[in-house]
PDB file of N, CA and C in Angstrom:
ATOM      1  N   UNK A   1      -7.417 -18.217 -12.150  1.00  0.00           N
ATOM      2  CA  UNK A   1      -8.003 -17.627 -13.370  1.00  0.00           C
ATOM      3  C   UNK A   1      -9.401 -17.006 -13.048  1.00  0.00           C
ATOM      4  N   UNK A   2     -10.082 -17.553 -12.099  1.00  0.00           N
ATOM      5  CA  UNK A   2     -11.373 -17.061 -11.737  1.00  0.00           C
ATOM      6  C   UNK A   2     -11.228 -15.617 -11.165  1.00  0.00           C
ATOM      7  N   UNK A   3     -10.165 -15.327 -10.447  1.00  0.00           N
ATOM      8  CA  UNK A   3      -9.999 -14.008  -9.915  1.00  0.00           C
ATOM      9  C   UNK A   3      -9.757 -12.982 -10.944  1.00  0.00           C
ATOM     10  N   UNK A   4      -9.202 -13.293 -12.113  1.00  0.00           N
ATOM     11  CA  UNK A   4      -8.962 -12.447 -13.150  1.00  0.00           C
ATOM     12  C   UNK A   4     -10.150 -12.222 -14.037  1.00  0.00           C
ATOM     13  N   UNK A   5     -11.212 -13.008 -13.839  1.00  0.00           N
ATOM     14  CA  UNK A   5     -12.426 -12.892 -14.622  1.00  0.00           C
ATOM     15  C   UNK A   5     -12.353 -13.562 -15.998  1.00  0.00           C
ATOM     16  N   UNK A   6     -11.351 -14.417 -16.211  1.00  0.00           N
ATOM     17  CA  UNK A   6     -11.196 -15.106 -17.480  1.00  0.00           C
ATOM     18  C   UNK A   6     -12.017 -16.353 -17.560  1.00  0.00           C
ATOM     19  N   UNK A   7     -12.344 -16.991 -16.479  1.00  0.00           N
ATOM     20  CA  UNK A   7     -13.147 -18.180 -16.388  1.00  0.00           C
ATOM     21  C   UNK A   7     -14.351 -17.890 -15.531  1.00  0.00           C
ATOM     22  N   UNK A   8     -15.551 -18.148 -16.075  1.00  0.00           N
ATOM     23  CA  UNK A   8     -16.721 -17.950 -15.376  1.00  0.00           C
ATOM     24  C   UNK A   8     -16.918 -18.973 -14.192  1.00  0.00           C
ATOM     25  N   UNK A   9     -17.147 -18.451 -13.031  1.00  0.00           N
ATOM     26  CA  UNK A   9     -17.378 -19.298 -11.847  1.00  0.00           C
ATOM     27  C   UNK A   9     -18.679 -19.923 -11.928  1.00  0.00           C
ATOM     28  N   UNK A  10     -18.948 -20.992 -11.345  1.00  0.00           N
ATOM     29  CA  UNK A  10     -20.273 -21.588 -11.244  1.00  0.00           C
ATOM     30  C   UNK A  10     -21.254 -20.553 -10.651  1.00  0.00           C
ATOM     31  N   UNK A  11     -22.295 -20.324 -11.307  1.00  0.00           N
ATOM     32  CA  UNK A  11     -23.240 -19.374 -10.769  1.00  0.00           C
ATOM     33  C   UNK A  11     -22.798 -17.923 -11.136  1.00  0.00           C
ATOM     34  N   UNK A  12     -21.899 -17.787 -12.102  1.00  0.00           N
ATOM     35  CA  UNK A  12     -21.394 -16.540 -12.464  1.00  0.00           C
ATOM     36  C   UNK A  12     -22.412 -15.677 -13.262  1.00  0.00           C
ATOM     37  N   UNK A  13     -21.997 -15.115 -14.371  1.00  0.00           N
ATOM     38  CA  UNK A  13     -22.843 -14.245 -15.173  1.00  0.00           C
ATOM     39  C   UNK A  13     -24.007 -15.023 -15.818  1.00  0.00           C
ATOM     40  N   UNK A  14     -25.152 -14.484 -15.732  1.00  0.00           N
ATOM     41  CA  UNK A  14     -26.344 -15.087 -16.334  1.00  0.00           C
ATOM     42  C   UNK A  14     -26.628 -14.344 -17.607  1.00  0.00           C
ATOM     43  N   UNK A  15     -27.621 -14.805 -18.340  1.00  0.00           N
ATOM     44  CA  UNK A  15     -27.999 -14.153 -19.523  1.00  0.00           C
ATOM     45  C   UNK A  15     -28.438 -12.734 -19.377  1.00  0.00           C
ATOM     46  N   UNK A  16     -29.062 -12.499 -18.152  1.00  0.00           N
ATOM     47  CA  UNK A  16     -29.578 -11.165 -17.775  1.00  0.00           C
ATOM     48  C   UNK A  16     -28.441 -10.105 -17.686  1.00  0.00           C
ATOM     49  N   UNK A  17     -27.214 -10.457 -17.369  1.00  0.00           N
ATOM     50  CA  UNK A  17     -26.172  -9.570 -17.332  1.00  0.00           C
ATOM     51  C   UNK A  17     -25.658  -9.156 -18.711  1.00  0.00           C
ATOM     52  N   UNK A  18     -25.916 -10.006 -19.706  1.00  0.00           N
ATOM     53  CA  UNK A  18     -25.513  -9.754 -21.116  1.00  0.00           C
ATOM     54  C   UNK A  18     -26.677  -9.070 -21.878  1.00  0.00           C
ATOM     55  N   UNK A  19     -27.942  -9.088 -21.355  1.00  0.00           N
ATOM     56  CA  UNK A  19     -29.078  -8.572 -22.076  1.00  0.00           C
ATOM     57  C   UNK A  19     -28.983  -7.073 -22.305  1.00  0.00           C
ATOM     58  N   UNK A  20     -28.440  -6.253 -21.303  1.00  0.00           N
ATOM     59  CA  UNK A  20     -28.421  -4.806 -21.529  1.00  0.00           C
ATOM     60  C   UNK A  20     -27.397  -4.399 -22.628  1.00  0.00           C
ATOM     61  N   UNK A  21     -26.141  -5.016 -22.625  1.00  0.00           N
ATOM     62  CA  UNK A  21     -25.223  -4.661 -23.731  1.00  0.00           C
ATOM     63  C   UNK A  21     -25.757  -5.070 -25.055  1.00  0.00           C
ATOM     64  N   UNK A  22     -26.431  -6.245 -25.143  1.00  0.00           N
ATOM     65  CA  UNK A  22     -26.948  -6.753 -26.404  1.00  0.00           C
ATOM     66  C   UNK A  22     -28.062  -5.804 -26.864  1.00  0.00           C
ATOM     67  N   UNK A  23     -28.949  -5.374 -25.964  1.00  0.00           N
ATOM     68  CA  UNK A  23     -30.045  -4.372 -26.331  1.00  0.00           C
ATOM     69  C   UNK A  23     -29.428  -3.121 -26.855  1.00  0.00           C
ATOM     70  N   UNK A  24     -28.418  -2.724 -26.206  1.00  0.00           N
ATOM     71  CA  UNK A  24     -27.801  -1.403 -26.672  1.00  0.00           C
ATOM     72  C   UNK A  24     -27.257  -1.508 -28.059  1.00  0.00           C
ATOM     73  N   UNK A  25     -26.580  -2.615 -28.252  1.00  0.00           N
ATOM     74  CA  UNK A  25     -25.985  -2.877 -29.641  1.00  0.00           C
ATOM     75  C   UNK A  25     -27.031  -2.969 -30.716  1.00  0.00           C
ATOM     76  N   UNK A  26     -28.206  -3.646 -30.356  1.00  0.00           N
ATOM     77  CA  UNK A  26     -29.284  -3.761 -31.259  1.00  0.00           C
ATOM     78  C   UNK A  26     -29.848  -2.354 -31.561  1.00  0.00           C
ATOM     79  N   UNK A  27     -29.987  -1.557 -30.538  1.00  0.00           N
ATOM     80  CA  UNK A  27     -30.595  -0.154 -30.737  1.00  0.00           C
ATOM     81  C   UNK A  27     -29.631   0.637 -31.652  1.00  0.00           C
ATOM     82  N   UNK A  28     -28.392   0.534 -31.335  1.00  0.00           N
ATOM     83  CA  UNK A  28     -27.398   1.336 -32.172  1.00  0.00           C
ATOM     84  C   UNK A  28     -27.503   0.862 -33.602  1.00  0.00           C
ATOM     85  N   UNK A  29     -27.638  -0.458 -33.892  1.00  0.00           N
ATOM     86  CA  UNK A  29     -27.540  -0.968 -35.238  1.00  0.00           C
ATOM     87  C   UNK A  29     -28.845  -0.509 -35.923  1.00  0.00           C
ATOM     88  N   UNK A  30     -29.954  -0.506 -35.281  1.00  0.00           N
ATOM     89  CA  UNK A  30     -31.249  -0.130 -35.953  1.00  0.00           C
ATOM     90  C   UNK A  30     -31.159   1.471 -36.213  1.00  0.00           C
ATOM     91  N   UNK A  31     -30.669   2.242 -35.232  1.00  0.00           N
ATOM     92  CA  UNK A  31     -30.479   3.700 -35.435  1.00  0.00           C
ATOM     93  C   UNK A  31     -29.578   4.024 -36.563  1.00  0.00           C
ATOM     94  N   UNK A  32     -28.424   3.374 -36.734  1.00  0.00           N
ATOM     95  CA  UNK A  32     -27.559   3.563 -37.836  1.00  0.00           C
ATOM     96  C   UNK A  32     -28.225   3.226 -39.146  1.00  0.00           C
ATOM     97  N   UNK A  33     -28.944   2.071 -39.184  1.00  0.00           N
ATOM     98  CA  UNK A  33     -29.614   1.631 -40.401  1.00  0.00           C
ATOM     99  C   UNK A  33     -30.618   2.742 -40.816  1.00  0.00           C
ATOM    100  N   UNK A  34     -31.334   3.205 -39.896  1.00  0.00           N
ATOM    101  CA  UNK A  34     -32.398   4.228 -40.202  1.00  0.00           C
ATOM    102  C   UNK A  34     -31.746   5.519 -40.689  1.00  0.00           C
ATOM    103  N   UNK A  35     -30.744   6.021 -40.054  1.00  0.00           N
ATOM    104  CA  UNK A  35     -30.032   7.196 -40.460  1.00  0.00           C
ATOM    105  C   UNK A  35     -29.408   7.056 -41.807  1.00  0.00           C
ATOM    106  N   UNK A  36     -28.886   5.982 -42.146  1.00  0.00           N
ATOM    107  CA  UNK A  36     -28.300   5.737 -43.472  1.00  0.00           C
ATOM    108  C   UNK A  36     -29.354   5.772 -44.489  1.00  0.00           C
ATOM    109  N   UNK A  37     -30.516   5.245 -44.240  1.00  0.00           N
ATOM    110  CA  UNK A  37     -31.637   5.200 -45.080  1.00  0.00           C
ATOM    111  C   UNK A  37     -32.160   6.656 -45.344  1.00  0.00           C
ATOM    112  N   UNK A  38     -32.208   7.386 -44.273  1.00  0.00           N
ATOM    113  CA  UNK A  38     -32.655   8.820 -44.408  1.00  0.00           C
ATOM    114  C   UNK A  38     -31.698   9.651 -45.233  1.00  0.00           C
ATOM    115  N   UNK A  39     -30.412   9.413 -44.977  1.00  0.00           N
ATOM    116  CA  UNK A  39     -29.392  10.222 -45.667  1.00  0.00           C
ATOM    117  C   UNK A  39     -29.374   9.868 -47.242  1.00  0.00           C
ATOM    118  N   UNK A  40     -29.513   8.580 -47.468  1.00  0.00           N
ATOM    119  CA  UNK A  40     -29.550   8.211 -48.907  1.00  0.00           C
ATOM    120  C   UNK A  40     -30.814   8.737 -49.513  1.00  0.00           C
ATOM    121  N   UNK A  41     -31.963   8.800 -48.890  1.00  0.00           N
ATOM    122  CA  UNK A  41     -33.190   9.339 -49.425  1.00  0.00           C
ATOM    123  C   UNK A  41     -33.049  10.781 -49.742  1.00  0.00           C
ATOM    124  N   UNK A  42     -32.366  11.576 -48.917  1.00  0.00           N
ATOM    125  CA  UNK A  42     -32.184  13.000 -49.148  1.00  0.00           C
ATOM    126  C   UNK A  42     -31.285  13.316 -50.340  1.00  0.00           C
ATOM    127  N   UNK A  43     -30.335  12.408 -50.603  1.00  0.00           N
ATOM    128  CA  UNK A  43     -29.457  12.689 -51.687  1.00  0.00           C
ATOM    129  C   UNK A  43     -30.021  12.376 -53.093  1.00  0.00           C
ATOM    130  N   UNK A  44     -31.137  11.662 -53.066  1.00  0.00           N
ATOM    131  CA  UNK A  44     -31.792  11.323 -54.312  1.00  0.00           C
ATOM    132  C   UNK A  44     -32.597  12.494 -54.765  1.00  0.00           C
ATOM    133  N   UNK A  45     -32.542  12.797 -56.199  1.00  0.00           N
ATOM    134  CA  UNK A  45     -33.109  13.955 -56.632  1.00  0.00           C
ATOM    135  C   UNK A  45     -34.712  13.937 -56.534  1.00  0.00           C
ATOM    136  N   UNK A  46     -35.342  12.860 -56.295  1.00  0.00           N
ATOM    137  CA  UNK A  46     -36.858  12.805 -56.218  1.00  0.00           C
ATOM    138  C   UNK A  46     -37.256  12.653 -54.789  1.00  0.00           C
ATOM    139  N   UNK A  47     -36.339  12.728 -53.807  1.00  0.00           N
ATOM    140  CA  UNK A  47     -36.614  12.556 -52.461  1.00  0.00           C
ATOM    141  C   UNK A  47     -37.466  13.718 -52.007  1.00  0.00           C
ATOM    142  N   UNK A  48     -38.529  13.404 -51.165  1.00  0.00           N
ATOM    143  CA  UNK A  48     -39.312  14.466 -50.590  1.00  0.00           C
ATOM    144  C   UNK A  48     -40.380  14.892 -51.507  1.00  0.00           C
ATOM    145  N   UNK A  49     -40.368  14.502 -52.784  1.00  0.00           N
ATOM    146  CA  UNK A  49     -41.486  14.906 -53.622  1.00  0.00           C
ATOM    147  C   UNK A  49     -42.636  13.993 -53.579  1.00  0.00           C
ATOM    148  N   UNK A  50     -43.756  14.501 -53.965  1.00  0.00           N
ATOM    149  CA  UNK A  50     -45.010  13.822 -53.901  1.00  0.00           C
ATOM    150  C   UNK A  50     -44.890  12.819 -55.040  1.00  0.00           C
ATOM    151  N   UNK A  51     -45.277  11.460 -54.737  1.00  0.00           N
ATOM    152  CA  UNK A  51     -45.171  10.408 -55.784  1.00  0.00           C
ATOM    153  C   UNK A  51     -45.863  10.817 -57.106  1.00  0.00           C
ATOM    154  N   UNK A  52     -46.925  11.591 -57.080  1.00  0.00           N
ATOM    155  CA  UNK A  52     -47.626  11.932 -58.348  1.00  0.00           C
ATOM    156  C   UNK A  52     -46.799  12.900 -59.122  1.00  0.00           C
ATOM    157  N   UNK A  53     -45.829  13.577 -58.542  1.00  0.00           N
ATOM    158  CA  UNK A  53     -45.014  14.558 -59.355  1.00  0.00           C
ATOM    159  C   UNK A  53     -43.839  13.906 -59.927  1.00  0.00           C
ATOM    160  N   UNK A  54     -43.583  12.664 -59.676  1.00  0.00           N
ATOM    161  CA  UNK A  54     -42.423  11.946 -60.234  1.00  0.00           C
ATOM    162  C   UNK A  54     -42.659  11.674 -61.718  1.00  0.00           C
ATOM    163  N   UNK A  55     -41.740  11.793 -62.583  1.00  0.00           N
ATOM    164  CA  UNK A  55     -41.916  11.549 -63.974  1.00  0.00           C
ATOM    165  C   UNK A  55     -42.218  10.102 -64.180  1.00  0.00           C
ATOM    166  N   UNK A  56     -43.421   9.909 -64.862  1.00  0.00           N
ATOM    167  CA  UNK A  56     -43.928   8.486 -65.028  1.00  0.00           C
ATOM    168  C   UNK A  56     -43.891   8.119 -66.592  1.00  0.00           C
ATOM    169  N   UNK A  57     -43.706   9.055 -67.438  1.00  0.00           N
ATOM    170  CA  UNK A  57     -43.700   8.723 -68.876  1.00  0.00           C
ATOM    171  C   UNK A  57     -42.325   8.165 -69.300  1.00  0.00           C
ATOM    172  N   UNK A  58     -42.274   7.600 -70.390  1.00  0.00           N
ATOM    173  CA  UNK A  58     -41.052   6.974 -70.933  1.00  0.00           C
ATOM    174  C   UNK A  58     -40.041   8.137 -71.319  1.00  0.00           C
ATOM    175  N   UNK A  59     -38.751   7.860 -71.094  1.00  0.00           N
ATOM    176  CA  UNK A  59     -37.779   8.924 -71.437  1.00  0.00           C
ATOM    177  C   UNK A  59     -37.736   9.227 -72.972  1.00  0.00           C
ATOM    178  N   UNK A  60     -37.307  10.369 -73.287  1.00  0.00           N
ATOM    179  CA  UNK A  60     -37.256  10.750 -74.734  1.00  0.00           C
ATOM    180  C   UNK A  60     -36.158   9.879 -75.382  1.00  0.00           C
ATOM    181  N   UNK A  61     -36.380   9.531 -76.608  1.00  0.00           N
ATOM    182  CA  UNK A  61     -35.410   8.652 -77.291  1.00  0.00           C
ATOM    183  C   UNK A  61     -34.179   9.455 -77.679  1.00  0.00           C
ATOM    184  N   UNK A  62     -33.048   8.982 -77.207  1.00  0.00           N
ATOM    185  CA  UNK A  62     -31.651   9.553 -77.563  1.00  0.00           C
ATOM    186  C   UNK A  62     -31.597  11.077 -77.275  1.00  0.00           C
ATOM    187  N   UNK A  63     -31.939  11.460 -76.060  1.00  0.00           N
ATOM    188  CA  UNK A  63     -31.865  12.984 -75.834  1.00  0.00           C
ATOM    189  C   UNK A  63     -30.355  13.485 -75.860  1.00  0.00           C
ATOM    190  N   UNK A  64     -29.459  12.663 -75.489  1.00  0.00           N
ATOM    191  CA  UNK A  64     -28.016  13.099 -75.352  1.00  0.00           C
ATOM    192  C   UNK A  64     -27.124  12.136 -76.199  1.00  0.00           C
ATOM    193  N   UNK A  65     -26.013  12.696 -76.542  1.00  0.00           N
ATOM    194  CA  UNK A  65     -25.027  11.888 -77.259  1.00  0.00           C
ATOM    195  C   UNK A  65     -24.028  11.165 -76.388  1.00  0.00           C
ATOM    196  N   UNK A  66     -23.880  11.717 -75.199  1.00  0.00           N
ATOM    197  CA  UNK A  66     -22.888  11.152 -74.204  1.00  0.00           C
ATOM    198  C   UNK A  66     -23.546  10.967 -72.905  1.00  0.00           C
ATOM    199  N   UNK A  67     -23.180   9.861 -72.287  1.00  0.00           N
ATOM    200  CA  UNK A  67     -23.737   9.603 -70.878  1.00  0.00           C
ATOM    201  C   UNK A  67     -22.512   9.498 -69.996  1.00  0.00           C
ATOM    202  N   UNK A  68     -22.564  10.192 -68.878  1.00  0.00           N
ATOM    203  CA  UNK A  68     -21.474  10.091 -67.816  1.00  0.00           C
ATOM    204  C   UNK A  68     -21.916   9.109 -66.750  1.00  0.00           C
ATOM    205  N   UNK A  69     -21.143   7.998 -66.521  1.00  0.00           N
ATOM    206  CA  UNK A  69     -21.481   7.052 -65.585  1.00  0.00           C
ATOM    207  C   UNK A  69     -21.510   7.569 -64.156  1.00  0.00           C
ATOM    208  N   UNK A  70     -22.473   7.190 -63.412  1.00  0.00           N
ATOM    209  CA  UNK A  70     -22.630   7.531 -62.046  1.00  0.00           C
ATOM    210  C   UNK A  70     -22.525   6.311 -61.180  1.00  0.00           C
ATOM    211  N   UNK A  71     -22.360   6.464 -59.878  1.00  0.00           N
ATOM    212  CA  UNK A  71     -22.248   5.425 -58.964  1.00  0.00           C
ATOM    213  C   UNK A  71     -23.459   4.457 -59.104  1.00  0.00           C
ATOM    214  N   UNK A  72     -23.300   3.185 -59.138  1.00  0.00           N
ATOM    215  CA  UNK A  72     -24.417   2.259 -59.236  1.00  0.00           C
ATOM    216  C   UNK A  72     -24.915   1.934 -60.611  1.00  0.00           C
ATOM    217  N   UNK A  73     -24.398   2.682 -61.631  1.00  0.00           N
ATOM    218  CA  UNK A  73     -24.911   2.457 -63.004  1.00  0.00           C
ATOM    219  C   UNK A  73     -24.469   1.100 -63.518  1.00  0.00           C
ATOM    220  N   UNK A  74     -25.357   0.483 -64.334  1.00  0.00           N
ATOM    221  CA  UNK A  74     -25.146  -0.615 -65.092  1.00  0.00           C
ATOM    222  C   UNK A  74     -25.481  -0.397 -66.539  1.00  0.00           C
ATOM    223  N   UNK A  75     -24.995  -1.246 -67.515  1.00  0.00           N
ATOM    224  CA  UNK A  75     -25.430  -1.062 -68.904  1.00  0.00           C
ATOM    225  C   UNK A  75     -26.868  -1.163 -68.984  1.00  0.00           C
ATOM    226  N   UNK A  76     -27.484  -2.086 -68.309  1.00  0.00           N
ATOM    227  CA  UNK A  76     -28.947  -2.282 -68.413  1.00  0.00           C
ATOM    228  C   UNK A  76     -29.660  -1.033 -67.829  1.00  0.00           C
ATOM    229  N   UNK A  77     -29.191  -0.563 -66.719  1.00  0.00           N
ATOM    230  CA  UNK A  77     -29.797   0.719 -66.166  1.00  0.00           C
ATOM    231  C   UNK A  77     -29.737   1.901 -67.079  1.00  0.00           C
ATOM    232  N   UNK A  78     -28.522   2.076 -67.685  1.00  0.00           N
ATOM    233  CA  UNK A  78     -28.298   3.168 -68.553  1.00  0.00           C
ATOM    234  C   UNK A  78     -29.207   3.025 -69.804  1.00  0.00           C
ATOM    235  N   UNK A  79     -29.325   1.844 -70.226  1.00  0.00           N
ATOM    236  CA  UNK A  79     -30.159   1.483 -71.409  1.00  0.00           C
ATOM    237  C   UNK A  79     -31.692   1.850 -71.108  1.00  0.00           C
ATOM    238  N   UNK A  80     -32.180   1.496 -69.977  1.00  0.00           N
ATOM    239  CA  UNK A  80     -33.531   1.759 -69.698  1.00  0.00           C
ATOM    240  C   UNK A  80     -33.750   3.177 -69.424  1.00  0.00           C
ATOM    241  N   UNK A  81     -32.792   3.897 -68.797  1.00  0.00           N
ATOM    242  CA  UNK A  81     -32.878   5.287 -68.519  1.00  0.00           C
ATOM    243  C   UNK A  81     -32.814   6.220 -69.710  1.00  0.00           C
ATOM    244  N   UNK A  82     -32.039   5.848 -70.715  1.00  0.00           N
ATOM    245  CA  UNK A  82     -31.831   6.648 -71.895  1.00  0.00           C
ATOM    246  C   UNK A  82     -32.708   6.247 -73.129  1.00  0.00           C
ATOM    247  N   UNK A  83     -33.105   4.943 -73.057  1.00  0.00           N
ATOM    248  CA  UNK A  83     -33.861   4.390 -74.157  1.00  0.00           C
ATOM    249  C   UNK A  83     -33.016   3.874 -75.344  1.00  0.00           C
ATOM    250  N   UNK A  84     -31.720   3.829 -75.089  1.00  0.00           N
ATOM    251  CA  UNK A  84     -30.835   3.283 -76.121  1.00  0.00           C
ATOM    252  C   UNK A  84     -30.589   1.795 -75.801  1.00  0.00           C
ATOM    253  N   UNK A  85     -30.722   0.935 -76.805  1.00  0.00           N
ATOM    254  CA  UNK A  85     -30.611  -0.545 -76.506  1.00  0.00           C
ATOM    255  C   UNK A  85     -29.190  -0.852 -76.019  1.00  0.00           C
ATOM    256  N   UNK A  86     -29.089  -1.872 -75.142  1.00  0.00           N
ATOM    257  CA  UNK A  86     -27.789  -2.270 -74.593  1.00  0.00           C
ATOM    258  C   UNK A  86     -26.816  -2.595 -75.714  1.00  0.00           C
ATOM    259  N   UNK A  87     -27.262  -3.334 -76.727  1.00  0.00           N
ATOM    260  CA  UNK A  87     -26.314  -3.702 -77.768  1.00  0.00           C
ATOM    261  C   UNK A  87     -25.733  -2.483 -78.492  1.00  0.00           C
ATOM    262  N   UNK A  88     -26.544  -1.451 -78.626  1.00  0.00           N
ATOM    263  CA  UNK A  88     -26.094  -0.211 -79.315  1.00  0.00           C
ATOM    264  C   UNK A  88     -25.076   0.464 -78.496  1.00  0.00           C
ATOM    265  N   UNK A  89     -25.291   0.503 -77.120  1.00  0.00           N
ATOM    266  CA  UNK A  89     -24.282   1.153 -76.203  1.00  0.00           C
ATOM    267  C   UNK A  89     -22.995   0.314 -76.360  1.00  0.00           C
ATOM    268  N   UNK A  90     -23.030  -0.887 -76.248  1.00  0.00           N
ATOM    269  CA  UNK A  90     -21.787  -1.696 -76.349  1.00  0.00           C
ATOM    270  C   UNK A  90     -21.112  -1.628 -77.704  1.00  0.00           C
ATOM    271  N   UNK A  91     -21.924  -1.464 -78.777  1.00  0.00           N
ATOM    272  CA  UNK A  91     -21.310  -1.396 -80.046  1.00  0.00           C
ATOM    273  C   UNK A  91     -20.628  -0.006 -80.253  1.00  0.00           C
ATOM    274  N   UNK A  92     -21.178   1.039 -79.739  1.00  0.00           N
ATOM    275  CA  UNK A  92     -20.542   2.360 -79.837  1.00  0.00           C
ATOM    276  C   UNK A  92     -19.427   2.569 -78.836  1.00  0.00           C
ATOM    277  N   UNK A  93     -19.293   1.698 -77.878  1.00  0.00           N
ATOM    278  CA  UNK A  93     -18.253   1.819 -76.830  1.00  0.00           C
ATOM    279  C   UNK A  93     -17.462   0.516 -76.744  1.00  0.00           C
ATOM    280  N   UNK A  94     -16.667   0.075 -77.812  1.00  0.00           N
ATOM    281  CA  UNK A  94     -16.098  -1.287 -77.795  1.00  0.00           C
ATOM    282  C   UNK A  94     -15.025  -1.453 -76.727  1.00  0.00           C
ATOM    283  N   UNK A  95     -14.465  -0.411 -76.153  1.00  0.00           N
ATOM    284  CA  UNK A  95     -13.486  -0.581 -75.170  1.00  0.00           C
ATOM    285  C   UNK A  95     -14.031  -0.625 -73.692  1.00  0.00           C
ATOM    286  N   UNK A  96     -15.362  -0.537 -73.601  1.00  0.00           N
ATOM    287  CA  UNK A  96     -15.999  -0.547 -72.299  1.00  0.00           C
ATOM    288  C   UNK A  96     -16.370  -1.936 -71.890  1.00  0.00           C
ATOM    289  N   UNK A  97     -16.014  -2.316 -70.729  1.00  0.00           N
ATOM    290  CA  UNK A  97     -16.382  -3.607 -70.260  1.00  0.00           C
ATOM    291  C   UNK A  97     -17.732  -3.446 -69.493  1.00  0.00           C
ATOM    292  N   UNK A  98     -18.729  -4.260 -69.919  1.00  0.00           N
ATOM    293  CA  UNK A  98     -20.032  -4.105 -69.300  1.00  0.00           C
ATOM    294  C   UNK A  98     -20.111  -4.452 -67.817  1.00  0.00           C
ATOM    295  N   UNK A  99     -19.144  -5.226 -67.376  1.00  0.00           N
ATOM    296  CA  UNK A  99     -19.097  -5.526 -65.875  1.00  0.00           C
ATOM    297  C   UNK A  99     -18.204  -4.615 -65.109  1.00  0.00           C
ATOM    298  N   UNK A 100     -17.503  -3.685 -65.757  1.00  0.00           N
ATOM    299  CA  UNK A 100     -16.573  -2.815 -65.009  1.00  0.00           C
ATOM    300  C   UNK A 100     -16.751  -1.345 -65.508  1.00  0.00           C
ATOM    301  N   UNK A 101     -17.856  -0.687 -65.136  1.00  0.00           N
ATOM    302  CA  UNK A 101     -18.005   0.700 -65.453  1.00  0.00           C
ATOM    303  C   UNK A 101     -17.334   1.590 -64.371  1.00  0.00           C
ATOM    304  N   UNK A 102     -16.784   2.654 -64.772  1.00  0.00           N
ATOM    305  CA  UNK A 102     -16.131   3.554 -63.833  1.00  0.00           C
ATOM    306  C   UNK A 102     -16.843   4.774 -63.662  1.00  0.00           C
ATOM    307  N   UNK A 103     -16.930   5.321 -62.474  1.00  0.00           N
ATOM    308  CA  UNK A 103     -17.632   6.622 -62.259  1.00  0.00           C
ATOM    309  C   UNK A 103     -16.926   7.698 -63.054  1.00  0.00           C
ATOM    310  N   UNK A 104     -17.753   8.528 -63.694  1.00  0.00           N
ATOM    311  CA  UNK A 104     -17.136   9.558 -64.472  1.00  0.00           C
ATOM    312  C   UNK A 104     -16.799   9.238 -65.947  1.00  0.00           C
ATOM    313  N   UNK A 105     -16.894   7.857 -66.224  1.00  0.00           N
ATOM    314  CA  UNK A 105     -16.564   7.410 -67.633  1.00  0.00           C
ATOM    315  C   UNK A 105     -17.654   7.962 -68.552  1.00  0.00           C
ATOM    316  N   UNK A 106     -17.264   8.333 -69.769  1.00  0.00           N
ATOM    317  CA  UNK A 106     -18.188   8.777 -70.751  1.00  0.00           C
ATOM    318  C   UNK A 106     -18.503   7.725 -71.706  1.00  0.00           C
ATOM    319  N   UNK A 107     -19.814   7.515 -71.953  1.00  0.00           N
ATOM    320  CA  UNK A 107     -20.303   6.429 -72.885  1.00  0.00           C
ATOM    321  C   UNK A 107     -21.027   7.198 -74.090  1.00  0.00           C
ATOM    322  N   UNK A 108     -20.721   6.803 -75.276  1.00  0.00           N
ATOM    323  CA  UNK A 108     -21.416   7.313 -76.439  1.00  0.00           C
ATOM    324  C   UNK A 108     -22.791   6.703 -76.527  1.00  0.00           C
ATOM    325  N   UNK A 109     -23.759   7.393 -76.842  1.00  0.00           N
ATOM    326  CA  UNK A 109     -25.141   6.900 -77.049  1.00  0.00           C
ATOM    327  C   UNK A 109     -25.606   7.035 -78.484  1.00  0.00           C
ATOM    328  N   UNK A 110     -24.918   7.842 -79.273  1.00  0.00           N
ATOM    329  CA  UNK A 110     -25.386   8.064 -80.673  1.00  0.00           C
ATOM    330  C   UNK A 110     -24.191   8.058 -81.555  1.00  0.00           C
TER     331      UNK A 110
END
């Protein structure tokens, strides 16, 4: 079995022999994480804008009658974004499950 390389012989591989592949994996993981963060940042509508130019005032009350659910939306997030209380959103949309929103689903706000 030693000739096949399945069993390490005494004095065989040391930690130094495994350090280079481990370092390469670590570098690849860090690079992928960095690239994913950069790509997500570019897809965001406020990416690249100066922080002082980002809208800081409260959203207008009930600007739209219908809200189309986007990826990552929650009832709480929709409520804070639109200014419509969570209870009102749920009352206007009785068939909507607050724990299972679907992308593209339309929610009544008024």
